[in-house]
Amino acid sequence: MSRAPLGLILAHGGMGQSRVYQDSGEGYATQRNGWRITEVNQTSSMIRLKHIGYEAGRPITFIELIGVTARPKEVRADEREVKDVEFEEKGKRLRFKLPEQGAGEIVIAQ
């Protein structure tokens, strides 16, 4: 399985659910539980990530939100402040890296 960075690009302010499916991309590992699903649940100010399946899946290393009109006051991942936050006012994009260990809950405080 590739260890290349994996990111999510989401519409800011949207509400909904989606799933990201990963497998090894080689052979028949999926027949031996060699897969992982990441459930993404989003509200206007929160993103929740839940991983189901094997732990060797590529980690989600960054999130990019499109349609952001102002720099948020704070971004928190599992109650820890995210320091590496980039805001592009003209493009209305917010991008931030997740901690190496990942995160289950991201809160964007406007």
C-alpha atoms as a PDB file:
ATOM      1  CA  MET A   1       0.000   0.000   0.000  1.00  0.00           C
ATOM      2  CA  SER A   2       1.279   3.427  -0.899  1.00  0.00           C
ATOM      3  CA  ARG A   3       2.115   5.754   1.975  1.00  0.00           C
ATOM      4  CA  ALA A   4       1.665   8.862  -0.188  1.00  0.00           C
ATOM      5  CA  PRO A   5      -0.231  11.686   1.532  1.00  0.00           C
ATOM      6  CA  LEU A   6      -3.998  11.511   1.293  1.00  0.00           C
ATOM      7  CA  GLY A   7      -6.175  14.580   1.688  1.00  0.00           C
ATOM      8  CA  LEU A   8      -9.850  15.409   1.764  1.00  0.00           C
ATOM      9  CA  ILE A   9     -11.303  18.365  -0.124  1.00  0.00           C
ATOM     10  CA  LEU A  10     -14.678  19.371   1.298  1.00  0.00           C
ATOM     11  CA  ALA A  11     -17.181  22.163   0.706  1.00  0.00           C
ATOM     12  CA  HIS A  12     -17.250  24.470   3.713  1.00  0.00           C
ATOM     13  CA  GLY A  13     -20.587  24.876   5.423  1.00  0.00           C
ATOM     14  CA  GLY A  14     -21.900  21.702   3.890  1.00  0.00           C
ATOM     15  CA  MET A  15     -23.611  19.043   5.898  1.00  0.00           C
ATOM     16  CA  GLY A  16     -23.533  15.428   4.984  1.00  0.00           C
ATOM     17  CA  GLN A  17     -21.818  12.095   4.995  1.00  0.00           C
ATOM     18  CA  SER A  18     -19.446  10.350   2.650  1.00  0.00           C
ATOM     19  CA  ARG A  19     -17.079   7.403   2.607  1.00  0.00           C
ATOM     20  CA  VAL A  20     -13.545   6.969   1.332  1.00  0.00           C
ATOM     21  CA  TYR A  21     -12.696   3.380   0.380  1.00  0.00           C
ATOM     22  CA  GLN A  22      -9.088   2.142   0.318  1.00  0.00           C
ATOM     23  CA  ASP A  23      -7.555  -1.193  -0.455  1.00  0.00           C
ATOM     24  CA  SER A  24      -4.013  -2.352  -1.106  1.00  0.00           C
ATOM     25  CA  GLY A  25      -4.411  -1.958  -4.855  1.00  0.00           C
ATOM     26  CA  GLU A  26      -2.591  -5.238  -5.403  1.00  0.00           C
ATOM     27  CA  GLY A  27      -3.567  -8.875  -5.381  1.00  0.00           C
ATOM     28  CA  TYR A  28      -6.468 -10.259  -3.416  1.00  0.00           C
ATOM     29  CA  ALA A  29      -5.927  -8.523  -0.061  1.00  0.00           C
ATOM     30  CA  THR A  30      -9.531  -7.300  -0.087  1.00  0.00           C
ATOM     31  CA  GLN A  31     -10.638 -10.906   0.313  1.00  0.00           C
ATOM     32  CA  ARG A  32      -8.611 -11.066   3.540  1.00  0.00           C
ATOM     33  CA  ASN A  33      -9.997  -7.851   5.077  1.00  0.00           C
ATOM     34  CA  GLY A  34      -7.261  -5.786   3.420  1.00  0.00           C
ATOM     35  CA  TRP A  35      -9.465  -2.716   3.043  1.00  0.00           C
ATOM     36  CA  ARG A  36     -10.383   0.377   4.995  1.00  0.00           C
ATOM     37  CA  ILE A  37     -13.326   2.748   4.883  1.00  0.00           C
ATOM     38  CA  THR A  38     -13.140   6.247   6.318  1.00  0.00           C
ATOM     39  CA  GLU A  39     -16.564   7.640   7.153  1.00  0.00           C
ATOM     40  CA  VAL A  40     -16.694  11.435   6.893  1.00  0.00           C
ATOM     41  CA  ASN A  41     -19.513  13.243   8.721  1.00  0.00           C
ATOM     42  CA  GLN A  42     -19.598  16.994   8.285  1.00  0.00           C
ATOM     43  CA  THR A  43     -21.593  19.834   9.812  1.00  0.00           C
ATOM     44  CA  SER A  44     -21.061  23.567   9.344  1.00  0.00           C
ATOM     45  CA  SER A  45     -18.316  23.686  11.983  1.00  0.00           C
ATOM     46  CA  MET A  46     -17.219  20.082  12.560  1.00  0.00           C
ATOM     47  CA  ILE A  47     -15.755  17.167  10.627  1.00  0.00           C
ATOM     48  CA  ARG A  48     -15.729  13.672  12.114  1.00  0.00           C
ATOM     49  CA  LEU A  49     -13.569  10.889  10.692  1.00  0.00           C
ATOM     50  CA  LYS A  50     -14.107   7.247  11.609  1.00  0.00           C
ATOM     51  CA  HIS A  51     -11.927   4.461  10.217  1.00  0.00           C
ATOM     52  CA  ILE A  52     -13.340   0.986   9.703  1.00  0.00           C
ATOM     53  CA  GLY A  53     -11.160  -1.905   8.618  1.00  0.00           C
ATOM     54  CA  TYR A  54      -7.445  -2.509   8.672  1.00  0.00           C
ATOM     55  CA  GLU A  55      -5.063   0.059  10.101  1.00  0.00           C
ATOM     56  CA  ALA A  56      -2.540  -0.025   7.269  1.00  0.00           C
ATOM     57  CA  GLY A  57      -4.579   2.337   5.102  1.00  0.00           C
ATOM     58  CA  ARG A  58      -3.077   5.613   3.977  1.00  0.00           C
ATOM     59  CA  PRO A  59      -3.516   8.223   6.671  1.00  0.00           C
ATOM     60  CA  ILE A  60      -5.477  11.371   5.920  1.00  0.00           C
ATOM     61  CA  THR A  61      -2.800  14.007   6.341  1.00  0.00           C
ATOM     62  CA  PHE A  62      -4.603  17.196   5.344  1.00  0.00           C
ATOM     63  CA  ILE A  63      -8.039  18.695   4.835  1.00  0.00           C
ATOM     64  CA  GLU A  64      -8.898  21.473   2.440  1.00  0.00           C
ATOM     65  CA  LEU A  65     -12.172  23.363   2.682  1.00  0.00           C
ATOM     66  CA  ILE A  66     -13.453  25.354  -0.275  1.00  0.00           C
ATOM     67  CA  GLY A  67     -15.891  28.238  -0.006  1.00  0.00           C
ATOM     68  CA  VAL A  68     -14.415  29.655   3.210  1.00  0.00           C
ATOM     69  CA  THR A  69     -15.072  33.416   3.362  1.00  0.00           C
ATOM     70  CA  ALA A  70     -12.943  34.321   6.410  1.00  0.00           C
ATOM     71  CA  ARG A  71      -9.984  32.914   8.313  1.00  0.00           C
ATOM     72  CA  PRO A  72     -11.316  30.917  11.261  1.00  0.00           C
ATOM     73  CA  LYS A  73     -10.438  31.944  14.793  1.00  0.00           C
ATOM     74  CA  GLU A  74      -9.171  28.453  15.471  1.00  0.00           C
ATOM     75  CA  VAL A  75      -8.961  24.928  14.085  1.00  0.00           C
ATOM     76  CA  ARG A  76      -8.809  22.052  16.576  1.00  0.00           C
ATOM     77  CA  ALA A  77      -8.146  18.368  15.959  1.00  0.00           C
ATOM     78  CA  ASP A  78      -9.220  16.114  18.829  1.00  0.00           C
ATOM     79  CA  GLU A  79      -9.235  19.162  21.128  1.00  0.00           C
ATOM     80  CA  ARG A  80      -5.670  20.173  20.186  1.00  0.00           C
ATOM     81  CA  GLU A  81      -5.018  23.412  18.304  1.00  0.00           C
ATOM     82  CA  VAL A  82      -3.854  22.935  14.717  1.00  0.00           C
ATOM     83  CA  LYS A  83      -0.915  25.271  14.085  1.00  0.00           C
ATOM     84  CA  ASP A  84      -0.299  24.748  10.358  1.00  0.00           C
ATOM     85  CA  VAL A  85      -3.383  26.491   8.902  1.00  0.00           C
ATOM     86  CA  GLU A  86      -3.304  28.220   5.512  1.00  0.00           C
ATOM     87  CA  PHE A  87      -6.102  30.541   4.379  1.00  0.00           C
ATOM     88  CA  GLU A  88      -6.346  31.797   0.812  1.00  0.00           C
ATOM     89  CA  GLU A  89      -8.787  34.707   0.846  1.00  0.00           C
ATOM     90  CA  LYS A  90      -8.994  35.178  -2.922  1.00  0.00           C
ATOM     91  CA  GLY A  91      -9.601  31.487  -3.616  1.00  0.00           C
ATOM     92  CA  LYS A  92     -11.763  31.076  -0.479  1.00  0.00           C
ATOM     93  CA  ARG A  93      -9.758  28.017   0.589  1.00  0.00           C
ATOM     94  CA  LEU A  94      -8.649  26.812   3.985  1.00  0.00           C
ATOM     95  CA  ARG A  95      -6.063  24.054   4.233  1.00  0.00           C
ATOM     96  CA  PHE A  96      -4.574  22.460   7.314  1.00  0.00           C
ATOM     97  CA  LYS A  97      -2.483  19.459   8.198  1.00  0.00           C
ATOM     98  CA  LEU A  98      -3.716  16.865  10.641  1.00  0.00           C
ATOM     99  CA  PRO A  99      -1.510  15.520  13.450  1.00  0.00           C
ATOM    100  CA  GLU A 100       0.640  12.517  12.499  1.00  0.00           C
ATOM    101  CA  GLN A 101      -1.529  10.223  14.614  1.00  0.00           C
ATOM    102  CA  GLY A 102      -4.597  11.456  12.720  1.00  0.00           C
ATOM    103  CA  ALA A 103      -7.750  12.926  14.186  1.00  0.00           C
ATOM    104  CA  GLY A 104     -11.304  11.814  14.785  1.00  0.00           C
ATOM    105  CA  GLU A 105     -12.931  15.210  15.294  1.00  0.00           C
ATOM    106  CA  ILE A 106     -11.982  18.525  13.695  1.00  0.00           C
ATOM    107  CA  VAL A 107     -13.660  21.732  14.866  1.00  0.00           C
ATOM    108  CA  ILE A 108     -13.464  24.971  12.874  1.00  0.00           C
ATOM    109  CA  ALA A 109     -14.283  27.959  15.099  1.00  0.00           C
ATOM    110  CA  GLN A 110     -15.460  31.037  13.203  1.00  0.00           C
END
